[in-house]
């Protein structure tokens, strides 16, 4: 085939000319009545090629499939079944994605510290989060005015945390969907349970935890609650936790029970606290199902 004459708008715009599969040429522009035109001779093109004028008026020939890049938000789009605000191909893709995935959702939000013992000083915390695939429009994070929608984590350094600290993450999407989540650095104390030949356990016996164990728990009143089965082993059974958490109600094998209650000072991580110690009134030979609440 020979060369063809094509009229291209000479206004330094980003308008394009493309050739369809039937050999027809089309101008992707709304031409003004007084627009000036330039007659340009171009070679015959394959069915999948385009001609574009860049900002300097230079013609660019490219393959429609592999070389041409189009900003979807610059492509006009109209569909009566979509909101009037959807006026570009990019908006339409966002809208369909939103309808498929639903509103923006924080699927996880965690920190790398979690629970530490009272008396510890936390100097750094990293929080990280995951979202569903809905694009983030706005984002806020506690103590992080520099956080941006593309971030998925934030490191805090130079801290001196000695008490509970909560971080709140809030996000919105372009369709007015929103979600928020929290993650906390918590400070706790240990609870102790086990058995002893002594009817009045002291600090040493509590920490030895014969046939028992220890668990670090958040330093709040509700943390005294615990359900467990303890093998008696012909010994006294005990359960100890910080006195500040309050007194417990005890069920043994499903029945409301009363055990001996003593108070013992326990030191851990440089912190001394009064502990309540519940001790069985008799030596226990068999296993007991215990519920402290």
Protein backbone atom coordinates (compact mmCIF):
# COMPACT_ATOMS: atom_id res chain seq x y z
CA UNK A 1 0.00 0.00 0.00
CA UNK A 2 1.08 3.63 -0.55
CA UNK A 3 1.28 6.55 1.85
CA UNK A 4 -1.87 8.18 3.25
CA UNK A 5 -2.69 11.82 4.10
CA UNK A 6 -3.91 12.40 7.65
CA UNK A 7 -5.08 15.66 9.28
CA UNK A 8 -3.77 16.09 12.82
CA UNK A 9 -4.62 18.90 15.22
CA UNK A 10 -1.62 21.20 15.66
CA UNK A 11 -2.37 22.52 19.18
CA UNK A 12 0.29 20.64 21.16
CA UNK A 13 -2.45 18.58 22.77
CA UNK A 14 -2.32 14.83 23.45
CA UNK A 15 -4.85 13.96 20.75
CA UNK A 16 -4.26 10.76 18.77
CA UNK A 17 -5.04 9.21 15.42
CA UNK A 18 -5.50 5.47 15.13
CA UNK A 19 -6.17 3.02 12.32
CA UNK A 20 -8.83 0.36 12.89
CA UNK A 21 -8.78 -3.18 11.53
CA UNK A 22 -10.78 -2.13 8.44
CA UNK A 23 -8.25 0.52 7.46
CA UNK A 24 -10.24 3.50 8.73
CA UNK A 25 -8.50 6.38 10.54
CA UNK A 26 -10.05 8.04 13.60
CA UNK A 27 -9.12 11.19 15.53
CA UNK A 28 -9.40 10.87 19.34
CA UNK A 29 -10.23 14.52 20.00
CA UNK A 30 -13.06 17.04 20.18
CA UNK A 31 -11.81 19.51 17.60
CA UNK A 32 -12.51 23.24 17.97
CA UNK A 33 -14.10 25.05 15.02
CA UNK A 34 -11.10 27.34 14.64
CA UNK A 35 -8.47 24.65 15.11
CA UNK A 36 -5.51 24.75 12.76
CA UNK A 37 -4.64 21.55 10.91
CA UNK A 38 -1.42 20.12 9.61
CA UNK A 39 -1.36 17.77 6.62
CA UNK A 40 1.08 14.98 7.38
CA UNK A 41 2.23 12.11 5.19
CA UNK A 42 2.70 8.87 7.10
CA UNK A 43 3.51 5.34 5.98
CA UNK A 44 0.91 2.62 5.84
CA UNK A 45 0.37 1.06 9.25
CA UNK A 46 -0.39 -2.42 10.41
CA UNK A 47 -3.88 -3.02 11.74
CA UNK A 48 -2.70 -2.72 15.35
CA UNK A 49 -0.78 0.58 15.09
CA UNK A 50 -1.46 4.16 16.15
CA UNK A 51 -0.19 7.62 15.33
CA UNK A 52 0.04 10.13 18.17
CA UNK A 53 1.22 13.73 18.39
CA UNK A 54 3.26 14.50 21.51
CA UNK A 55 3.46 17.88 23.25
CA UNK A 56 6.07 19.08 20.76
CA UNK A 57 4.02 18.11 17.71
CA UNK A 58 6.20 15.09 16.96
CA UNK A 59 4.40 12.10 15.44
CA UNK A 60 4.81 8.80 17.29
CA UNK A 61 4.02 5.43 15.72
CA UNK A 62 3.44 2.61 18.17
CA UNK A 63 2.04 -0.88 18.44
CA UNK A 64 -1.39 -0.76 20.05
CA UNK A 65 -0.83 -3.89 22.10
CA UNK A 66 2.75 -3.70 23.39
CA UNK A 67 3.89 -0.08 23.17
CA UNK A 68 0.91 2.21 23.67
CA UNK A 69 0.20 3.32 27.23
CA UNK A 70 -3.04 5.16 27.91
CA UNK A 71 -4.04 6.77 31.19
CA UNK A 72 -7.47 5.27 31.81
CA UNK A 73 -8.56 8.38 33.67
CA UNK A 74 -8.08 10.39 30.45
CA UNK A 75 -10.43 8.14 28.46
CA UNK A 76 -14.04 9.35 28.46
CA UNK A 77 -16.63 6.86 29.64
CA UNK A 78 -20.40 6.97 30.04
CA UNK A 79 -22.80 4.36 31.41
CA UNK A 80 -26.29 5.15 32.71
CA UNK A 81 -26.09 2.27 35.20
CA UNK A 82 -23.16 3.89 37.00
CA UNK A 83 -23.05 7.04 39.17
CA UNK A 84 -22.70 10.31 37.27
CA UNK A 85 -19.30 10.83 38.86
CA UNK A 86 -17.97 7.89 36.82
CA UNK A 87 -16.90 9.72 33.65
CA UNK A 88 -13.65 7.97 32.67
CA UNK A 89 -12.53 4.41 32.03
CA UNK A 90 -10.36 4.62 35.15
CA UNK A 91 -13.33 5.67 37.28
CA UNK A 92 -15.36 2.80 35.83
CA UNK A 93 -12.64 0.27 36.71
CA UNK A 94 -12.43 1.65 40.25
CA UNK A 95 -16.22 1.49 40.60
CA UNK A 96 -16.46 -2.10 39.36
CA UNK A 97 -13.57 -3.13 41.60
CA UNK A 98 -15.31 -1.49 44.55
CA UNK A 99 -18.58 -3.29 43.78
CA UNK A 100 -16.70 -6.60 43.62
CA UNK A 101 -14.51 -6.19 46.70
CA UNK A 102 -16.85 -4.13 48.85
CA UNK A 103 -15.84 -1.15 51.01
CA UNK A 104 -12.24 -0.73 52.11
CA UNK A 105 -11.34 -3.17 54.88
CA UNK A 106 -8.39 -3.42 57.26
CA UNK A 107 -7.73 -7.15 57.31
CA UNK A 108 -4.95 -7.00 59.91
CA UNK A 109 -3.24 -4.41 62.11
CA UNK A 110 -0.50 -5.59 64.46
CA UNK A 111 2.59 -4.41 66.31
CA UNK A 112 5.89 -6.18 66.91
CA UNK A 113 5.90 -5.79 70.71
CA UNK A 114 2.57 -7.06 71.99
CA UNK A 115 2.65 -7.89 75.71
CA UNK A 116 5.68 -7.21 77.92
CA UNK A 117 6.22 -7.39 81.67
CA UNK A 118 5.63 -4.37 83.88
CA UNK A 119 9.00 -2.75 84.59
CA UNK A 120 10.09 -2.97 80.94
CA UNK A 121 10.77 0.22 78.94
CA UNK A 122 9.82 -0.09 75.27
CA UNK A 123 12.02 2.13 73.06
CA UNK A 124 10.68 1.21 69.60
CA UNK A 125 7.49 -0.12 68.06
CA UNK A 126 6.68 -1.09 64.48
CA UNK A 127 3.05 -1.32 63.43
CA UNK A 128 2.01 -2.96 60.16
CA UNK A 129 -1.28 -3.47 58.39
CA UNK A 130 -2.96 -5.21 55.48
CA UNK A 131 -6.01 -4.07 53.51
CA UNK A 132 -8.28 -5.56 50.90
CA UNK A 133 -7.59 -4.42 47.32
CA UNK A 134 -9.76 -1.30 47.39
CA UNK A 135 -7.50 1.77 46.80
CA UNK A 136 -6.87 3.98 49.83
CA UNK A 137 -8.13 7.55 49.53
CA UNK A 138 -7.08 8.84 52.99
CA UNK A 139 -5.20 7.35 55.93
CA UNK A 140 -4.46 8.42 59.51
CA UNK A 141 -2.36 6.75 62.20
CA UNK A 142 -1.74 7.70 65.82
CA UNK A 143 1.43 9.80 66.22
CA UNK A 144 2.21 9.54 62.47
CA UNK A 145 1.25 12.72 60.58
CA UNK A 146 3.58 11.67 57.73
CA UNK A 147 1.77 8.41 56.91
CA UNK A 148 0.54 8.19 53.28
CA UNK A 149 -1.95 5.87 51.52
CA UNK A 150 0.80 3.71 50.00
CA UNK A 151 2.36 2.86 53.39
CA UNK A 152 1.77 -0.57 54.94
CA UNK A 153 3.89 -0.12 58.07
CA UNK A 154 5.33 2.53 60.35
CA UNK A 155 8.31 2.36 62.71
CA UNK A 156 8.33 4.48 65.88
CA UNK A 157 11.70 5.01 67.55
CA UNK A 158 13.03 7.00 70.49
CA UNK A 159 10.13 5.93 72.69
CA UNK A 160 10.04 5.43 76.46
CA UNK A 161 6.84 3.44 76.92
CA UNK A 162 6.22 2.04 80.40
CA UNK A 163 2.41 1.86 80.29
CA UNK A 164 -0.15 0.65 77.76
CA UNK A 165 -0.08 2.41 74.38
CA UNK A 166 -2.79 2.05 71.71
CA UNK A 167 -2.34 2.92 68.03
CA UNK A 168 -5.39 3.59 65.85
CA UNK A 169 -5.37 3.23 62.06
CA UNK A 170 -8.20 4.77 59.99
CA UNK A 171 -8.67 4.59 56.21
CA UNK A 172 -11.23 5.72 53.65
CA UNK A 173 -11.81 4.92 49.98
CA UNK A 174 -13.06 6.99 47.04
CA UNK A 175 -16.63 5.77 47.54
CA UNK A 176 -16.86 7.09 51.12
CA UNK A 177 -16.21 3.66 52.62
CA UNK A 178 -14.15 3.64 55.80
CA UNK A 179 -12.62 1.31 58.37
CA UNK A 180 -10.50 1.59 61.50
CA UNK A 181 -8.56 -0.75 63.74
CA UNK A 182 -6.38 -0.62 66.84
CA UNK A 183 -3.30 -2.43 68.08
CA UNK A 184 -1.77 -2.02 71.53
CA UNK A 185 1.51 -2.40 73.35
CA UNK A 186 0.45 -3.90 76.69
CA UNK A 187 2.19 -4.28 80.03
CA UNK A 188 1.41 -7.24 82.23
CA UNK A 189 2.28 -9.29 85.29
CA UNK A 190 2.72 -13.01 85.75
CA UNK A 191 0.19 -15.39 87.23
CA UNK A 192 1.43 -18.61 88.86
CA UNK A 193 -0.16 -21.98 89.51
CA UNK A 194 0.97 -25.41 90.62
CA UNK A 195 1.25 -27.57 93.73
CA UNK A 196 3.30 -27.66 96.91
CA UNK A 197 3.78 -29.78 99.98
CA UNK A 198 3.29 -26.60 102.02
CA UNK A 199 -0.19 -25.36 102.91
CA UNK A 200 1.11 -21.78 102.91
CA UNK A 201 3.16 -21.13 99.73
CA UNK A 202 5.75 -18.37 99.87
CA UNK A 203 7.35 -16.44 96.98
CA UNK A 204 9.92 -19.14 96.33
CA UNK A 205 7.32 -21.91 96.20
CA UNK A 206 5.06 -19.84 93.93
CA UNK A 207 7.85 -19.21 91.42
CA UNK A 208 8.99 -22.85 91.47
CA UNK A 209 5.63 -23.86 89.98
CA UNK A 210 5.82 -27.62 90.63
CA UNK A 211 3.58 -29.39 88.08
CA UNK A 212 2.25 -25.98 87.16
CA UNK A 213 3.33 -22.96 85.20
CA UNK A 214 3.42 -19.22 84.73
CA UNK A 215 1.78 -16.93 82.24
CA UNK A 216 2.27 -13.25 81.50
CA UNK A 217 -1.09 -11.48 81.49
CA UNK A 218 -2.25 -7.94 80.78
CA UNK A 219 -2.13 -5.94 84.00
CA UNK A 220 -5.90 -5.42 84.37
CA UNK A 221 -8.45 -6.81 86.79
CA UNK A 222 -10.07 -9.25 84.34
CA UNK A 223 -6.77 -11.05 83.84
CA UNK A 224 -7.24 -13.02 87.06
CA UNK A 225 -9.79 -15.26 85.29
CA UNK A 226 -8.41 -18.68 84.42
CA UNK A 227 -9.75 -22.17 83.79
CA UNK A 228 -7.41 -25.16 84.01
CA UNK A 229 -7.11 -28.72 85.23
CA UNK A 230 -4.49 -29.35 87.89
CA UNK A 231 -3.16 -32.77 88.88
CA UNK A 232 -3.10 -33.01 92.68
CA UNK A 233 -0.22 -35.42 93.16
CA UNK A 234 -0.89 -35.67 96.92
CA UNK A 235 -0.09 -31.98 97.42
CA UNK A 236 -1.75 -28.63 97.98
CA UNK A 237 -2.81 -26.80 94.84
CA UNK A 238 -2.37 -23.06 94.52
CA UNK A 239 -3.12 -20.21 92.13
CA UNK A 240 -1.52 -16.76 92.53
CA UNK A 241 -2.05 -13.40 90.79
CA UNK A 242 -1.65 -9.68 91.64
CA UNK A 243 -3.91 -8.54 94.49
CA UNK A 244 -4.79 -5.39 92.51
CA UNK A 245 -6.87 -7.55 90.16
CA UNK A 246 -9.39 -8.24 92.93
CA UNK A 247 -10.77 -11.35 94.61
CA UNK A 248 -11.90 -14.41 92.62
CA UNK A 249 -14.94 -16.64 92.64
CA UNK A 250 -13.79 -20.27 92.48
CA UNK A 251 -15.47 -23.36 91.04
CA UNK A 252 -13.95 -26.81 91.61
CA UNK A 253 -15.25 -29.61 89.38
CA UNK A 254 -18.27 -27.40 88.66
CA UNK A 255 -19.12 -26.59 92.29
CA UNK A 256 -18.70 -23.23 94.03
CA UNK A 257 -15.83 -23.61 96.47
CA UNK A 258 -13.85 -21.65 99.04
CA UNK A 259 -10.08 -22.06 99.31
CA UNK A 260 -7.62 -20.54 101.74
CA UNK A 261 -6.56 -17.03 100.69
CA UNK A 262 -3.21 -15.59 101.70
CA UNK A 263 -1.21 -12.57 100.57
CA UNK A 264 2.42 -12.80 99.44
CA UNK A 265 4.77 -10.14 98.03
CA UNK A 266 6.29 -11.22 94.72
CA UNK A 267 9.18 -9.44 92.97
CA UNK A 268 9.71 -9.76 89.23
CA UNK A 269 11.55 -7.57 86.71
CA UNK A 270 12.44 -5.13 89.50
CA UNK A 271 8.79 -4.65 90.49
CA UNK A 272 7.33 -5.86 93.81
CA UNK A 273 3.59 -6.42 94.09
CA UNK A 274 1.21 -7.98 96.56
CA UNK A 275 -0.25 -11.26 95.26
CA UNK A 276 -3.36 -13.15 96.24
CA UNK A 277 -2.60 -16.87 96.64
CA UNK A 278 -5.49 -19.34 96.66
CA UNK A 279 -4.53 -22.70 98.20
CA UNK A 280 -6.62 -25.87 98.45
CA UNK A 281 -7.63 -26.58 102.08
CA UNK A 282 -6.58 -30.21 101.80
CA UNK A 283 -3.96 -32.29 100.05
CA UNK A 284 -5.35 -33.29 96.66
CA UNK A 285 -4.63 -36.70 95.25
CA UNK A 286 -6.59 -36.48 92.00
CA UNK A 287 -7.00 -33.93 89.21
CA UNK A 288 -9.27 -30.95 89.73
CA UNK A 289 -11.02 -28.81 87.13
CA UNK A 290 -10.61 -25.24 88.38
CA UNK A 291 -12.34 -22.06 87.26
CA UNK A 292 -11.25 -18.73 88.76
CA UNK A 293 -13.36 -15.75 87.71
